[in-house]
């Protein structure tokens, strides 16, 4: 009786591991992925921007931002990279102090993608509340 129970228990355990492996294989099979490399530079002189925040958002088929995001920081050379980005549309935002926020959607469809972002200084701001000097 104990031997039959042990064999039955071993089969249940093996079957359970088999199901877990199948589920993992299905989860891992999300389709082709890409390595995306970013270079963030100043628009004015082309110098790299260190510690710029690169925020990645997946975009669904309707063009809306989907759940989940990933944050990267650029290194001293203005570079940041990430592997495993699924093919499809990707919304990229870049933020850095003293620069305008950058945002654009990119179609990811190759195994390696290089994206260069040129950050601009903010333009002049005008106010209706400023004192106007008579001429």
N, C-alpha and C. Protein backbone atom coordinates (compact mmCIF):
# COMPACT_ATOMS: atom_id res chain seq x y z
N UNK A 1 0.82 -1.20 0.00
CA UNK A 1 0.00 0.00 0.00
C UNK A 1 0.86 1.26 0.00
N UNK A 2 1.92 1.28 0.82
CA UNK A 2 2.79 2.45 0.87
C UNK A 2 3.48 2.66 -0.47
N UNK A 3 3.86 1.54 -1.12
CA UNK A 3 4.56 1.64 -2.39
C UNK A 3 3.65 2.24 -3.47
N UNK A 4 2.37 1.84 -3.52
CA UNK A 4 1.43 2.38 -4.49
C UNK A 4 1.22 3.87 -4.25
N UNK A 5 1.15 4.25 -2.98
CA UNK A 5 0.98 5.66 -2.63
C UNK A 5 2.20 6.47 -3.07
N UNK A 6 3.41 5.96 -2.87
CA UNK A 6 4.63 6.65 -3.25
C UNK A 6 4.73 6.83 -4.76
N UNK A 7 4.37 5.80 -5.51
CA UNK A 7 4.41 5.89 -6.97
C UNK A 7 3.38 6.92 -7.45
N UNK A 8 2.18 6.87 -6.86
CA UNK A 8 1.14 7.82 -7.24
C UNK A 8 1.56 9.25 -6.90
N UNK A 9 2.17 9.43 -5.74
CA UNK A 9 2.63 10.76 -5.33
C UNK A 9 3.73 11.26 -6.26
N UNK A 10 4.65 10.38 -6.65
CA UNK A 10 5.72 10.77 -7.56
C UNK A 10 5.16 11.20 -8.91
N UNK A 11 4.14 10.49 -9.40
CA UNK A 11 3.52 10.85 -10.67
C UNK A 11 2.83 12.22 -10.58
N UNK A 12 2.16 12.47 -9.47
CA UNK A 12 1.50 13.77 -9.27
C UNK A 12 2.54 14.89 -9.26
N UNK A 13 3.66 14.67 -8.56
CA UNK A 13 4.71 15.69 -8.49
C UNK A 13 5.30 15.94 -9.87
N UNK A 14 5.62 14.89 -10.61
CA UNK A 14 6.18 15.05 -11.96
C UNK A 14 5.20 15.74 -12.89
N UNK A 15 3.93 15.36 -12.81
CA UNK A 15 2.90 15.99 -13.62
C UNK A 15 2.80 17.49 -13.28
N UNK A 16 2.86 17.80 -11.99
CA UNK A 16 2.80 19.20 -11.55
C UNK A 16 3.97 20.01 -12.09
N UNK A 17 5.19 19.45 -12.02
CA UNK A 17 6.36 20.14 -12.57
C UNK A 17 6.23 20.31 -14.08
N UNK A 18 5.67 19.33 -14.73
CA UNK A 18 5.45 19.43 -16.17
C UNK A 18 4.52 20.57 -16.53
N UNK A 19 3.43 20.73 -15.75
CA UNK A 19 2.50 21.83 -15.99
C UNK A 19 3.16 23.18 -15.74
N UNK A 20 3.95 23.27 -14.67
CA UNK A 20 4.65 24.52 -14.37
C UNK A 20 5.59 24.88 -15.51
N UNK A 21 6.32 23.88 -16.02
CA UNK A 21 7.23 24.12 -17.15
C UNK A 21 6.49 24.59 -18.39
N UNK A 22 5.32 23.99 -18.66
CA UNK A 22 4.53 24.38 -19.81
C UNK A 22 4.03 25.80 -19.67
N UNK A 23 3.54 26.17 -18.50
CA UNK A 23 3.06 27.53 -18.27
C UNK A 23 4.20 28.53 -18.42
N UNK A 24 5.38 28.21 -17.86
CA UNK A 24 6.53 29.10 -18.00
C UNK A 24 6.93 29.25 -19.46
N UNK A 25 6.92 28.16 -20.20
CA UNK A 25 7.27 28.23 -21.62
C UNK A 25 6.29 29.12 -22.38
N UNK A 26 5.00 29.03 -22.03
CA UNK A 26 4.02 29.89 -22.68
C UNK A 26 4.23 31.35 -22.30
N UNK A 27 4.57 31.62 -21.04
CA UNK A 27 4.82 32.99 -20.60
C UNK A 27 6.05 33.56 -21.28
N UNK A 28 7.09 32.73 -21.45
CA UNK A 28 8.33 33.20 -22.05
C UNK A 28 8.20 33.41 -23.55
N UNK A 29 7.20 32.82 -24.18
CA UNK A 29 7.03 32.92 -25.61
C UNK A 29 6.16 34.12 -25.96
N UNK A 30 6.66 35.31 -25.70
CA UNK A 30 5.90 36.53 -25.98
C UNK A 30 6.20 37.06 -27.36
N UNK A 31 7.04 36.38 -28.12
CA UNK A 31 7.40 36.84 -29.44
C UNK A 31 8.79 37.42 -29.44
N UNK A 32 9.18 37.99 -30.58
CA UNK A 32 10.53 38.52 -30.69
C UNK A 32 10.73 39.75 -29.80
N UNK A 33 11.95 39.91 -29.33
CA UNK A 33 12.28 41.06 -28.50
C UNK A 33 13.49 41.78 -29.07
N UNK A 34 13.70 42.97 -28.58
CA UNK A 34 14.76 43.84 -29.09
C UNK A 34 15.62 44.36 -27.95
N UNK A 35 16.85 44.68 -28.29
CA UNK A 35 17.73 45.44 -27.39
C UNK A 35 17.66 46.88 -27.86
N UNK A 36 17.25 47.78 -26.96
CA UNK A 36 17.09 49.18 -27.33
C UNK A 36 18.17 49.99 -26.62
N UNK A 37 18.90 50.78 -27.41
CA UNK A 37 20.01 51.59 -26.91
C UNK A 37 19.67 53.07 -27.11
N UNK A 38 19.82 53.83 -26.05
CA UNK A 38 19.52 55.26 -26.08
C UNK A 38 20.80 56.07 -25.93
N UNK A 39 20.86 57.19 -26.63
CA UNK A 39 21.90 58.19 -26.44
C UNK A 39 21.17 59.52 -26.28
N UNK A 40 21.39 60.18 -25.15
CA UNK A 40 20.72 61.45 -24.87
C UNK A 40 21.78 62.55 -24.88
N UNK A 41 21.57 63.54 -25.76
CA UNK A 41 22.54 64.63 -25.92
C UNK A 41 21.82 65.97 -25.89
N UNK A 42 22.60 67.02 -25.66
CA UNK A 42 22.07 68.39 -25.75
C UNK A 42 21.89 68.74 -27.22
N UNK A 43 20.79 69.37 -27.54
CA UNK A 43 20.54 69.79 -28.91
C UNK A 43 21.52 70.89 -29.33
N UNK A 44 21.88 71.75 -28.39
CA UNK A 44 22.71 72.92 -28.72
C UNK A 44 24.13 72.57 -29.13
N UNK A 45 24.76 71.59 -28.46
CA UNK A 45 26.17 71.30 -28.75
C UNK A 45 26.48 69.81 -28.92
N UNK A 46 25.48 68.95 -28.79
CA UNK A 46 25.70 67.51 -28.99
C UNK A 46 26.40 66.80 -27.85
N UNK A 47 26.62 67.50 -26.73
CA UNK A 47 27.29 66.86 -25.59
C UNK A 47 26.31 65.93 -24.87
N UNK A 48 26.82 64.80 -24.35
CA UNK A 48 25.94 63.84 -23.68
C UNK A 48 25.37 64.39 -22.38
N UNK A 49 24.16 63.94 -22.06
CA UNK A 49 23.50 64.32 -20.81
C UNK A 49 23.54 63.16 -19.82
N UNK A 50 24.22 63.38 -18.72
CA UNK A 50 24.34 62.37 -17.67
C UNK A 50 23.11 62.41 -16.77
N UNK A 51 22.69 61.25 -16.29
CA UNK A 51 21.57 61.09 -15.35
C UNK A 51 20.22 61.56 -15.88
N UNK A 52 20.06 61.57 -17.19
CA UNK A 52 18.74 61.86 -17.74
C UNK A 52 17.85 60.64 -17.47
N UNK A 53 16.60 60.88 -17.17
CA UNK A 53 15.67 59.79 -16.90
C UNK A 53 14.96 59.41 -18.20
N UNK A 54 15.10 58.16 -18.60
CA UNK A 54 14.45 57.63 -19.80
C UNK A 54 13.33 56.71 -19.32
N UNK A 55 12.09 57.08 -19.64
CA UNK A 55 10.92 56.32 -19.19
C UNK A 55 10.29 55.65 -20.41
N UNK A 56 10.10 54.34 -20.32
CA UNK A 56 9.55 53.56 -21.42
C UNK A 56 8.16 53.07 -21.06
N UNK A 57 7.20 53.28 -21.97
CA UNK A 57 5.82 52.83 -21.77
C UNK A 57 5.41 51.98 -22.97
N UNK A 58 4.88 50.79 -22.74
CA UNK A 58 4.32 50.05 -23.87
C UNK A 58 3.05 50.75 -24.37
N UNK A 59 2.77 50.61 -25.65
CA UNK A 59 1.58 51.22 -26.25
C UNK A 59 0.73 50.09 -26.83
N UNK A 60 -0.57 50.10 -26.51
CA UNK A 60 -1.44 49.02 -27.00
C UNK A 60 -1.84 49.26 -28.45
N UNK A 61 -2.63 48.34 -29.01
CA UNK A 61 -3.01 48.41 -30.42
C UNK A 61 -3.87 49.63 -30.74
N UNK A 62 -4.51 50.19 -29.73
CA UNK A 62 -5.36 51.37 -29.95
C UNK A 62 -4.56 52.67 -29.83
N UNK A 63 -3.26 52.55 -29.62
CA UNK A 63 -2.42 53.75 -29.50
C UNK A 63 -2.42 54.36 -28.11
N UNK A 64 -3.01 53.66 -27.17
CA UNK A 64 -3.05 54.15 -25.79
C UNK A 64 -1.90 53.55 -24.99
N UNK A 65 -1.44 54.30 -24.03
CA UNK A 65 -0.38 53.83 -23.15
C UNK A 65 -0.89 52.65 -22.34
N UNK A 66 -0.17 51.53 -22.38
CA UNK A 66 -0.57 50.32 -21.67
C UNK A 66 0.01 50.32 -20.27
N UNK A 67 -0.39 49.34 -19.47
CA UNK A 67 0.11 49.20 -18.10
C UNK A 67 1.59 48.87 -18.10
N UNK A 68 2.28 49.36 -17.11
CA UNK A 68 3.69 49.05 -16.94
C UNK A 68 4.58 50.11 -17.53
N UNK A 69 5.69 50.34 -16.87
CA UNK A 69 6.68 51.28 -17.38
C UNK A 69 8.04 50.86 -16.85
N UNK A 70 9.07 51.37 -17.47
CA UNK A 70 10.43 51.07 -17.06
C UNK A 70 11.22 52.38 -17.06
N UNK A 71 11.99 52.60 -16.01
CA UNK A 71 12.83 53.79 -15.90
C UNK A 71 14.29 53.41 -16.07
N UNK A 72 15.00 54.19 -16.85
CA UNK A 72 16.44 54.03 -17.03
C UNK A 72 17.11 55.36 -16.72
N UNK A 73 18.38 55.33 -16.39
CA UNK A 73 19.19 56.54 -16.20
C UNK A 73 20.37 56.47 -17.14
N UNK A 74 20.71 57.61 -17.74
CA UNK A 74 21.85 57.63 -18.64
C UNK A 74 23.15 57.70 -17.84
N UNK A 75 24.21 57.14 -18.43
CA UNK A 75 25.53 57.16 -17.80
C UNK A 75 26.26 58.45 -18.18
N UNK A 76 27.54 58.53 -17.86
CA UNK A 76 28.33 59.74 -18.13
C UNK A 76 28.42 60.05 -19.62
N UNK A 77 28.24 59.05 -20.47
CA UNK A 77 28.28 59.25 -21.92
C UNK A 77 26.89 59.49 -22.50
N UNK A 78 25.89 59.65 -21.63
CA UNK A 78 24.52 59.88 -22.08
C UNK A 78 23.83 58.63 -22.61
N UNK A 79 24.36 57.46 -22.28
CA UNK A 79 23.84 56.20 -22.82
C UNK A 79 23.06 55.41 -21.79
N UNK A 80 22.04 54.70 -22.28
CA UNK A 80 21.26 53.76 -21.47
C UNK A 80 20.77 52.68 -22.41
N UNK A 81 20.67 51.45 -21.92
CA UNK A 81 20.24 50.33 -22.75
C UNK A 81 19.32 49.41 -21.96
N UNK A 82 18.49 48.68 -22.71
CA UNK A 82 17.63 47.69 -22.10
C UNK A 82 17.40 46.57 -23.12
N UNK A 83 17.38 45.34 -22.62
CA UNK A 83 17.13 44.17 -23.46
C UNK A 83 15.72 43.65 -23.20
N UNK A 84 15.19 42.89 -24.14
CA UNK A 84 13.92 42.21 -23.92
C UNK A 84 12.69 43.05 -24.18
N UNK A 85 12.81 44.11 -24.96
CA UNK A 85 11.65 44.94 -25.29
C UNK A 85 10.88 44.26 -26.43
N UNK A 86 9.61 43.90 -26.23
CA UNK A 86 8.85 43.22 -27.29
C UNK A 86 8.65 44.12 -28.50
N UNK A 87 8.59 43.51 -29.67
CA UNK A 87 8.30 44.26 -30.89
C UNK A 87 6.95 44.93 -30.75
N UNK A 88 6.82 46.10 -31.34
CA UNK A 88 5.58 46.86 -31.28
C UNK A 88 5.90 48.31 -30.97
N UNK A 89 4.86 49.05 -30.64
CA UNK A 89 5.04 50.48 -30.38
C UNK A 89 5.50 50.72 -28.95
N UNK A 90 6.43 51.65 -28.80
CA UNK A 90 7.01 51.98 -27.50
C UNK A 90 7.03 53.49 -27.35
N UNK A 91 6.46 53.98 -26.26
CA UNK A 91 6.47 55.41 -25.97
C UNK A 91 7.68 55.72 -25.10
N UNK A 92 8.47 56.69 -25.54
CA UNK A 92 9.70 57.07 -24.84
C UNK A 92 9.56 58.50 -24.36
N UNK A 93 9.83 58.70 -23.07
CA UNK A 93 9.88 60.05 -22.49
C UNK A 93 11.26 60.22 -21.87
N UNK A 94 11.83 61.39 -22.05
CA UNK A 94 13.13 61.68 -21.44
C UNK A 94 13.00 62.97 -20.66
N UNK A 95 13.45 62.91 -19.39
CA UNK A 95 13.40 64.07 -18.51
C UNK A 95 14.79 64.36 -17.98
N UNK A 96 15.14 65.65 -17.97
CA UNK A 96 16.42 66.08 -17.41
C UNK A 96 16.24 67.50 -16.89
N UNK A 97 16.84 67.81 -15.74
CA UNK A 97 16.72 69.17 -15.21
C UNK A 97 17.23 70.20 -16.21
N UNK A 98 16.51 71.30 -16.32
CA UNK A 98 16.86 72.45 -17.16
C UNK A 98 16.67 72.18 -18.65
N UNK A 99 15.91 71.11 -18.99
CA UNK A 99 15.63 70.81 -20.39
C UNK A 99 14.14 70.52 -20.55
N UNK A 100 13.63 70.75 -21.77
CA UNK A 100 12.24 70.42 -22.06
C UNK A 100 12.07 68.91 -22.02
N UNK A 101 10.92 68.46 -21.54
CA UNK A 101 10.61 67.03 -21.55
C UNK A 101 10.45 66.58 -23.00
N UNK A 102 11.05 65.45 -23.32
CA UNK A 102 10.97 64.87 -24.66
C UNK A 102 10.00 63.71 -24.63
N UNK A 103 9.20 63.56 -25.65
CA UNK A 103 8.30 62.42 -25.76
C UNK A 103 8.04 62.07 -27.21
N UNK A 104 8.13 60.78 -27.51
CA UNK A 104 7.85 60.32 -28.87
C UNK A 104 7.59 58.81 -28.85
N UNK A 105 6.78 58.35 -29.80
CA UNK A 105 6.51 56.92 -29.96
C UNK A 105 7.41 56.36 -31.05
N UNK A 106 7.92 55.14 -30.81
CA UNK A 106 8.80 54.46 -31.76
C UNK A 106 8.25 53.08 -32.05
N UNK A 107 8.39 52.64 -33.28
CA UNK A 107 8.00 51.29 -33.66
C UNK A 107 9.24 50.40 -33.53
N UNK A 108 9.17 49.44 -32.62
CA UNK A 108 10.28 48.52 -32.40
C UNK A 108 10.02 47.28 -33.25
N UNK A 109 10.93 47.01 -34.18
CA UNK A 109 10.72 45.89 -35.09
C UNK A 109 12.01 45.22 -35.53
N UNK A 110 13.12 45.52 -34.86
CA UNK A 110 14.40 44.89 -35.17
C UNK A 110 15.03 44.39 -33.87
N UNK A 111 16.00 43.50 -33.98
CA UNK A 111 16.63 42.95 -32.78
C UNK A 111 17.50 43.98 -32.06
N UNK A 112 18.01 44.97 -32.78
CA UNK A 112 18.80 46.05 -32.18
C UNK A 112 18.23 47.38 -32.67
N UNK A 113 17.93 48.28 -31.74
CA UNK A 113 17.39 49.60 -32.09
C UNK A 113 18.22 50.65 -31.37
N UNK A 114 18.65 51.67 -32.11
CA UNK A 114 19.41 52.80 -31.56
C UNK A 114 18.53 54.04 -31.64
N UNK A 115 18.33 54.72 -30.52
CA UNK A 115 17.51 55.93 -30.49
C UNK A 115 18.36 57.05 -29.90
N UNK A 116 18.50 58.14 -30.67
CA UNK A 116 19.21 59.32 -30.20
C UNK A 116 18.20 60.40 -29.89
N UNK A 117 18.27 60.95 -28.69
CA UNK A 117 17.34 61.99 -28.25
C UNK A 117 18.13 63.27 -28.05
N UNK A 118 17.68 64.34 -28.71
CA UNK A 118 18.32 65.65 -28.58
C UNK A 118 17.44 66.51 -27.68
N UNK A 119 17.97 66.82 -26.50
CA UNK A 119 17.21 67.60 -25.53
C UNK A 119 17.42 69.09 -25.75
N UNK A 120 16.33 69.84 -25.67
CA UNK A 120 16.37 71.28 -25.89
C UNK A 120 16.19 72.02 -24.57
N UNK A 121 16.85 73.18 -24.48
CA UNK A 121 16.61 74.05 -23.34
C UNK A 121 15.22 74.66 -23.49
N UNK A 122 14.57 75.00 -22.38
CA UNK A 122 13.24 75.60 -22.50
C UNK A 122 13.31 76.94 -23.23
N UNK A 123 12.26 77.24 -23.96
CA UNK A 123 12.18 78.53 -24.64
C UNK A 123 11.79 79.63 -23.67
N UNK A 124 11.82 80.84 -24.17
CA UNK A 124 11.40 81.97 -23.34
C UNK A 124 9.93 81.84 -22.99
N UNK A 125 9.61 82.27 -21.79
CA UNK A 125 8.22 82.25 -21.36
C UNK A 125 7.71 83.68 -21.30
N UNK A 126 6.49 83.84 -21.68
CA UNK A 126 5.89 85.17 -21.69
C UNK A 126 4.70 85.16 -20.75
N UNK A 127 4.47 86.30 -20.13
CA UNK A 127 3.38 86.41 -19.19
C UNK A 127 2.56 87.65 -19.49
N UNK A 128 1.27 87.54 -19.32
CA UNK A 128 0.42 88.70 -19.49
C UNK A 128 0.49 89.61 -18.26
N UNK A 129 1.13 89.13 -17.21
CA UNK A 129 1.20 89.88 -15.97
C UNK A 129 2.46 90.71 -15.83
N UNK A 130 3.37 90.61 -16.78
CA UNK A 130 4.60 91.40 -16.69
C UNK A 130 4.28 92.87 -16.90
N UNK A 131 5.04 93.70 -16.22
CA UNK A 131 4.89 95.14 -16.42
C UNK A 131 5.45 95.52 -17.79
N UNK A 132 4.69 96.30 -18.50
CA UNK A 132 5.15 96.77 -19.80
C UNK A 132 5.59 98.21 -19.64
N UNK A 133 6.78 98.47 -20.11
CA UNK A 133 7.32 99.82 -19.99
C UNK A 133 6.79 100.68 -21.14
N UNK A 134 6.39 101.90 -20.84
CA UNK A 134 5.92 102.79 -21.91
C UNK A 134 7.11 103.16 -22.79
N UNK A 135 6.85 103.33 -24.07
CA UNK A 135 7.92 103.69 -24.99
C UNK A 135 7.91 105.14 -25.31
